N, C-alpha and C. Protein backbone atom coordinates (compact mmCIF):
# COMPACT_ATOMS: atom_id res chain seq x y z
N MET A 1 98.12 111.29 -134.42
CA MET A 1 98.34 112.00 -133.18
C MET A 1 97.14 111.89 -132.26
N ALA A 2 95.93 111.96 -132.85
CA ALA A 2 94.72 111.87 -132.04
C ALA A 2 94.61 110.50 -131.37
N ASP A 3 95.06 109.43 -132.07
CA ASP A 3 95.01 108.09 -131.48
C ASP A 3 95.91 107.99 -130.26
N VAL A 4 97.07 108.65 -130.30
CA VAL A 4 98.00 108.63 -129.16
C VAL A 4 97.37 109.37 -127.98
N ALA A 5 96.80 110.53 -128.24
CA ALA A 5 96.16 111.31 -127.17
C ALA A 5 94.99 110.53 -126.57
N LEU A 6 94.22 109.88 -127.41
CA LEU A 6 93.08 109.08 -126.94
C LEU A 6 93.55 107.92 -126.09
N SER A 7 94.62 107.26 -126.50
CA SER A 7 95.18 106.15 -125.75
C SER A 7 95.68 106.61 -124.38
N VAL A 8 96.37 107.73 -124.33
CA VAL A 8 96.87 108.27 -123.07
C VAL A 8 95.70 108.65 -122.15
N LEU A 9 94.67 109.26 -122.72
CA LEU A 9 93.49 109.63 -121.92
C LEU A 9 92.81 108.39 -121.35
N ARG A 10 92.61 107.36 -122.17
CA ARG A 10 91.99 106.11 -121.68
C ARG A 10 92.80 105.49 -120.56
N LYS A 11 94.13 105.45 -120.72
CA LYS A 11 94.99 104.86 -119.69
C LYS A 11 94.95 105.68 -118.41
N ALA A 12 94.91 106.99 -118.52
CA ALA A 12 94.84 107.86 -117.33
C ALA A 12 93.52 107.64 -116.59
N ILE A 13 92.42 107.50 -117.33
CA ILE A 13 91.12 107.23 -116.71
C ILE A 13 91.15 105.88 -116.01
N THR A 14 91.71 104.87 -116.65
CA THR A 14 91.79 103.53 -116.06
C THR A 14 92.62 103.54 -114.79
N VAL A 15 93.78 104.17 -114.81
CA VAL A 15 94.65 104.24 -113.63
C VAL A 15 93.93 104.95 -112.48
N SER A 16 93.25 106.04 -112.79
CA SER A 16 92.52 106.79 -111.77
C SER A 16 91.41 105.94 -111.15
N CYS A 17 90.67 105.21 -111.98
CA CYS A 17 89.58 104.35 -111.49
C CYS A 17 90.12 103.21 -110.63
N LEU A 18 91.23 102.61 -111.05
CA LEU A 18 91.84 101.53 -110.26
C LEU A 18 92.32 102.06 -108.91
N ALA A 19 92.87 103.27 -108.89
CA ALA A 19 93.32 103.88 -107.64
C ALA A 19 92.17 104.14 -106.68
N LYS A 20 90.97 104.35 -107.22
CA LYS A 20 89.79 104.60 -106.39
C LYS A 20 89.09 103.32 -105.97
N GLY A 21 89.60 102.14 -106.42
CA GLY A 21 89.06 100.87 -105.96
C GLY A 21 88.30 100.06 -106.97
N LEU A 22 88.08 100.57 -108.18
CA LEU A 22 87.43 99.76 -109.19
C LEU A 22 88.34 98.60 -109.55
N ALA A 23 87.76 97.54 -110.07
CA ALA A 23 88.54 96.34 -110.41
C ALA A 23 88.56 96.18 -111.93
N LEU A 24 89.45 95.32 -112.40
CA LEU A 24 89.59 95.06 -113.82
C LEU A 24 89.22 93.61 -114.09
N SER A 25 88.28 93.40 -115.02
CA SER A 25 87.84 92.04 -115.35
C SER A 25 88.88 91.35 -116.23
N GLN A 26 88.65 90.06 -116.49
CA GLN A 26 89.55 89.31 -117.38
C GLN A 26 89.57 89.90 -118.78
N LYS A 27 88.45 90.54 -119.17
CA LYS A 27 88.37 91.17 -120.50
C LYS A 27 88.89 92.61 -120.47
N ARG A 28 89.47 93.02 -119.34
CA ARG A 28 90.05 94.35 -119.15
C ARG A 28 89.02 95.46 -119.08
N ASP A 29 87.79 95.12 -118.63
CA ASP A 29 86.76 96.12 -118.39
C ASP A 29 86.80 96.52 -116.92
N LEU A 30 86.62 97.80 -116.62
CA LEU A 30 86.53 98.25 -115.24
C LEU A 30 85.16 97.90 -114.69
N TYR A 31 85.08 97.59 -113.39
CA TYR A 31 83.79 97.35 -112.75
C TYR A 31 83.89 97.65 -111.26
N PHE A 32 82.72 97.89 -110.64
CA PHE A 32 82.64 98.15 -109.21
C PHE A 32 82.58 96.81 -108.48
N PRO A 33 83.60 96.47 -107.66
CA PRO A 33 83.52 95.22 -106.91
C PRO A 33 82.56 95.35 -105.73
N GLU A 34 82.09 94.22 -105.24
CA GLU A 34 81.17 94.21 -104.09
C GLU A 34 81.81 94.92 -102.91
N GLY A 35 81.06 95.81 -102.26
CA GLY A 35 81.51 96.48 -101.05
C GLY A 35 82.32 97.75 -101.26
N LEU A 36 82.63 98.10 -102.49
CA LEU A 36 83.40 99.33 -102.73
C LEU A 36 82.60 100.56 -102.30
N ILE A 37 81.32 100.57 -102.63
CA ILE A 37 80.42 101.66 -102.29
C ILE A 37 79.51 101.17 -101.16
N PRO A 38 79.28 101.96 -100.11
CA PRO A 38 78.40 101.52 -99.02
C PRO A 38 77.03 101.07 -99.54
N GLY A 39 76.63 99.86 -99.15
CA GLY A 39 75.35 99.32 -99.58
C GLY A 39 75.30 98.97 -101.06
N ASN A 40 76.44 99.03 -101.74
CA ASN A 40 76.51 98.78 -103.19
C ASN A 40 75.54 99.66 -103.97
N ARG A 41 75.34 100.88 -103.48
CA ARG A 41 74.47 101.84 -104.15
C ARG A 41 75.25 103.11 -104.44
N LEU A 42 75.34 103.46 -105.69
CA LEU A 42 76.01 104.68 -106.12
C LEU A 42 74.94 105.77 -106.18
N LYS A 43 74.99 106.70 -105.23
CA LYS A 43 73.96 107.74 -105.15
C LYS A 43 74.36 108.93 -106.02
N PHE A 44 73.35 109.55 -106.64
CA PHE A 44 73.60 110.73 -107.47
C PHE A 44 72.33 111.54 -107.58
N THR A 45 72.48 112.77 -108.03
CA THR A 45 71.34 113.65 -108.27
C THR A 45 71.01 113.58 -109.75
N ASN A 46 69.77 113.23 -110.05
CA ASN A 46 69.31 113.08 -111.43
C ASN A 46 69.28 114.43 -112.12
N TYR A 47 69.16 114.44 -113.44
CA TYR A 47 69.15 115.68 -114.21
C TYR A 47 68.02 116.61 -113.80
N ASP A 48 66.92 116.06 -113.25
CA ASP A 48 65.80 116.91 -112.83
C ASP A 48 65.90 117.32 -111.36
N GLY A 49 67.02 116.99 -110.71
CA GLY A 49 67.24 117.40 -109.33
C GLY A 49 66.84 116.39 -108.28
N THR A 50 66.20 115.28 -108.67
CA THR A 50 65.81 114.27 -107.69
C THR A 50 67.02 113.41 -107.33
N LYS A 51 67.07 113.02 -106.06
CA LYS A 51 68.16 112.15 -105.60
C LYS A 51 67.75 110.71 -105.86
N THR A 52 68.67 109.94 -106.41
CA THR A 52 68.40 108.55 -106.74
C THR A 52 69.69 107.74 -106.62
N PHE A 53 69.65 106.50 -107.01
CA PHE A 53 70.84 105.65 -106.93
C PHE A 53 70.79 104.61 -108.03
N VAL A 54 71.95 103.98 -108.25
CA VAL A 54 72.05 102.83 -109.13
C VAL A 54 72.82 101.76 -108.36
N SER A 55 72.37 100.52 -108.44
CA SER A 55 73.06 99.42 -107.76
C SER A 55 74.34 99.09 -108.52
N THR A 56 75.44 98.97 -107.78
CA THR A 56 76.71 98.65 -108.42
C THR A 56 76.93 97.15 -108.55
N VAL A 57 76.21 96.37 -107.72
CA VAL A 57 76.32 94.91 -107.72
C VAL A 57 74.92 94.37 -107.46
N GLY A 58 74.57 93.28 -108.10
CA GLY A 58 73.25 92.70 -107.84
C GLY A 58 73.03 91.40 -108.59
N GLU A 59 71.81 90.92 -108.48
CA GLU A 59 71.41 89.70 -109.19
C GLU A 59 70.14 89.98 -109.97
N ARG A 60 70.04 89.40 -111.15
CA ARG A 60 68.83 89.49 -111.97
C ARG A 60 68.40 88.08 -112.31
N THR A 61 67.10 87.86 -112.31
CA THR A 61 66.56 86.56 -112.67
C THR A 61 65.90 86.67 -114.04
N PHE A 62 66.31 85.82 -114.94
CA PHE A 62 65.74 85.78 -116.28
C PHE A 62 64.97 84.48 -116.43
N LYS A 63 63.74 84.59 -116.94
CA LYS A 63 62.89 83.41 -117.13
C LYS A 63 62.76 83.12 -118.61
N SER A 64 62.84 81.84 -118.94
CA SER A 64 62.64 81.39 -120.30
C SER A 64 61.84 80.10 -120.23
N GLY A 65 60.57 80.21 -120.53
CA GLY A 65 59.70 79.04 -120.41
C GLY A 65 59.59 78.61 -118.96
N LEU A 66 59.98 77.39 -118.67
CA LEU A 66 59.91 76.87 -117.31
C LEU A 66 61.23 77.03 -116.54
N THR A 67 62.26 77.51 -117.21
CA THR A 67 63.56 77.62 -116.54
C THR A 67 63.83 79.05 -116.08
N LYS A 68 64.58 79.16 -114.99
CA LYS A 68 65.02 80.45 -114.47
C LYS A 68 66.54 80.45 -114.41
N GLU A 69 67.11 81.58 -114.76
CA GLU A 69 68.56 81.72 -114.68
C GLU A 69 68.86 82.96 -113.87
N VAL A 70 69.65 82.80 -112.79
CA VAL A 70 70.05 83.92 -111.95
C VAL A 70 71.43 84.37 -112.40
N VAL A 71 71.55 85.65 -112.73
CA VAL A 71 72.80 86.21 -113.22
C VAL A 71 73.26 87.30 -112.25
N ARG A 72 74.49 87.22 -111.83
CA ARG A 72 75.08 88.24 -110.96
C ARG A 72 75.74 89.29 -111.86
N TYR A 73 75.55 90.57 -111.52
CA TYR A 73 76.13 91.64 -112.34
C TYR A 73 76.90 92.64 -111.48
N HIS A 74 77.79 93.35 -112.12
CA HIS A 74 78.54 94.46 -111.54
C HIS A 74 78.42 95.63 -112.51
N LEU A 75 78.22 96.82 -111.98
CA LEU A 75 78.18 98.01 -112.81
C LEU A 75 79.56 98.25 -113.41
N SER A 76 79.60 98.53 -114.70
CA SER A 76 80.87 98.73 -115.40
C SER A 76 80.81 100.05 -116.17
N PRO A 77 81.56 101.05 -115.72
CA PRO A 77 81.53 102.34 -116.42
C PRO A 77 82.23 102.26 -117.77
N ARG A 78 81.78 103.07 -118.70
CA ARG A 78 82.40 103.16 -120.01
C ARG A 78 83.00 104.56 -120.15
N SER A 79 84.15 104.63 -120.75
CA SER A 79 84.81 105.91 -120.97
C SER A 79 84.12 106.64 -122.12
N LEU A 80 84.01 107.94 -121.98
CA LEU A 80 83.47 108.74 -123.07
C LEU A 80 84.55 109.10 -124.09
N ALA A 81 85.77 108.68 -123.80
CA ALA A 81 86.87 108.94 -124.73
C ALA A 81 86.88 107.85 -125.79
N GLU A 82 86.11 108.03 -126.83
CA GLU A 82 86.00 107.04 -127.89
C GLU A 82 86.40 107.67 -129.23
N LYS A 83 87.02 106.88 -130.04
CA LYS A 83 87.44 107.34 -131.37
C LYS A 83 86.21 107.66 -132.22
N GLY A 84 86.28 108.76 -132.92
CA GLY A 84 85.21 109.11 -133.84
C GLY A 84 84.22 110.11 -133.27
N LEU A 85 84.30 110.42 -131.98
CA LEU A 85 83.41 111.44 -131.44
C LEU A 85 83.94 112.81 -131.84
N SER A 86 83.14 113.57 -132.54
CA SER A 86 83.62 114.89 -132.96
C SER A 86 83.51 115.88 -131.81
N ARG A 87 82.52 115.67 -130.91
CA ARG A 87 82.35 116.55 -129.76
C ARG A 87 82.05 115.69 -128.54
N PRO A 88 83.08 115.31 -127.77
CA PRO A 88 82.82 114.47 -126.60
C PRO A 88 81.92 115.18 -125.60
N ALA A 89 81.03 114.44 -124.97
CA ALA A 89 80.06 115.02 -124.05
C ALA A 89 80.44 114.70 -122.60
N LEU A 90 81.58 115.22 -122.19
CA LEU A 90 81.99 115.03 -120.81
C LEU A 90 81.25 116.04 -119.95
N VAL A 91 80.67 115.59 -118.85
CA VAL A 91 79.85 116.47 -118.01
C VAL A 91 80.73 117.33 -117.13
N LYS A 92 80.41 118.62 -117.04
CA LYS A 92 81.13 119.53 -116.16
C LYS A 92 80.70 119.32 -114.71
N GLU A 93 81.21 120.16 -113.82
CA GLU A 93 80.81 120.10 -112.42
C GLU A 93 79.31 120.31 -112.31
N ALA A 94 78.76 119.95 -111.14
CA ALA A 94 77.32 120.10 -110.91
C ALA A 94 76.94 121.57 -111.06
N PRO A 95 75.82 121.86 -111.72
CA PRO A 95 75.40 123.25 -111.91
C PRO A 95 74.91 123.85 -110.59
N THR A 96 75.01 125.15 -110.51
CA THR A 96 74.45 125.83 -109.34
C THR A 96 72.95 125.90 -109.50
N GLU A 97 72.24 126.23 -108.45
CA GLU A 97 70.79 126.23 -108.47
C GLU A 97 70.28 127.17 -109.57
N GLY A 98 69.36 126.69 -110.37
CA GLY A 98 68.77 127.47 -111.44
C GLY A 98 69.54 127.40 -112.75
N GLU A 99 70.75 126.86 -112.72
CA GLU A 99 71.55 126.75 -113.94
C GLU A 99 71.20 125.46 -114.67
N VAL A 100 71.13 125.51 -115.98
CA VAL A 100 70.84 124.32 -116.78
C VAL A 100 72.11 123.50 -116.91
N PRO A 101 72.06 122.18 -116.59
CA PRO A 101 73.27 121.35 -116.74
C PRO A 101 73.75 121.39 -118.18
N ARG A 102 75.05 121.50 -118.38
CA ARG A 102 75.64 121.56 -119.71
C ARG A 102 76.76 120.55 -119.83
N ALA A 103 76.96 120.06 -121.02
CA ALA A 103 78.09 119.18 -121.31
C ALA A 103 79.29 120.06 -121.64
N ALA A 104 80.47 119.46 -121.57
CA ALA A 104 81.70 120.21 -121.88
C ALA A 104 81.66 120.77 -123.29
N SER A 105 80.92 120.10 -124.18
CA SER A 105 80.83 120.56 -125.57
C SER A 105 79.88 121.74 -125.72
N GLY A 106 79.18 122.09 -124.64
CA GLY A 106 78.27 123.22 -124.70
C GLY A 106 76.82 122.82 -124.90
N GLY A 107 76.56 121.54 -125.17
CA GLY A 107 75.20 121.07 -125.35
C GLY A 107 74.47 120.96 -124.03
N ARG A 108 73.14 120.94 -124.07
CA ARG A 108 72.35 120.83 -122.86
C ARG A 108 72.06 119.36 -122.60
N ILE A 109 72.22 118.92 -121.36
CA ILE A 109 71.99 117.52 -121.01
C ILE A 109 70.53 117.36 -120.63
N VAL A 110 69.83 116.45 -121.29
CA VAL A 110 68.44 116.13 -120.97
C VAL A 110 68.36 114.64 -120.81
N GLY A 111 68.19 114.19 -119.56
CA GLY A 111 68.21 112.74 -119.30
C GLY A 111 69.56 112.21 -119.69
N SER A 112 69.55 111.19 -120.51
CA SER A 112 70.83 110.65 -120.96
C SER A 112 71.18 111.14 -122.36
N ALA A 113 70.36 112.02 -122.89
CA ALA A 113 70.60 112.53 -124.25
C ALA A 113 71.32 113.87 -124.19
N LEU A 114 72.03 114.19 -125.20
CA LEU A 114 72.75 115.47 -125.28
C LEU A 114 72.14 116.26 -126.42
N GLN A 115 71.63 117.44 -126.10
CA GLN A 115 71.06 118.31 -127.12
C GLN A 115 72.00 119.49 -127.32
N THR A 116 72.19 119.88 -128.56
CA THR A 116 73.06 121.03 -128.83
C THR A 116 72.24 122.20 -129.31
């Protein structure tokens, strides 16, 4: 029964993301296509309250000896709905001023780690 619920949840998340403009790769991974977000920068408020961004599309250069390889990338979100998680850490709405950010499971969010 849990596998069916998980499958339905994953499909609902995928449909919602596609409706908002995300694209689906050949491997069926969601990703942000070029131009979906203004300036290809997804802006957010960090856990410590600072405003920052992450690039949704870009290029990285990798060097190996005398050769350089330029790789184009797209940000690809991953669903937190994964089999085997006993307590999924889905983030609630943004906390009000002075409130400690909490995960849906009740744990405290510190950076990208979840403390319970």
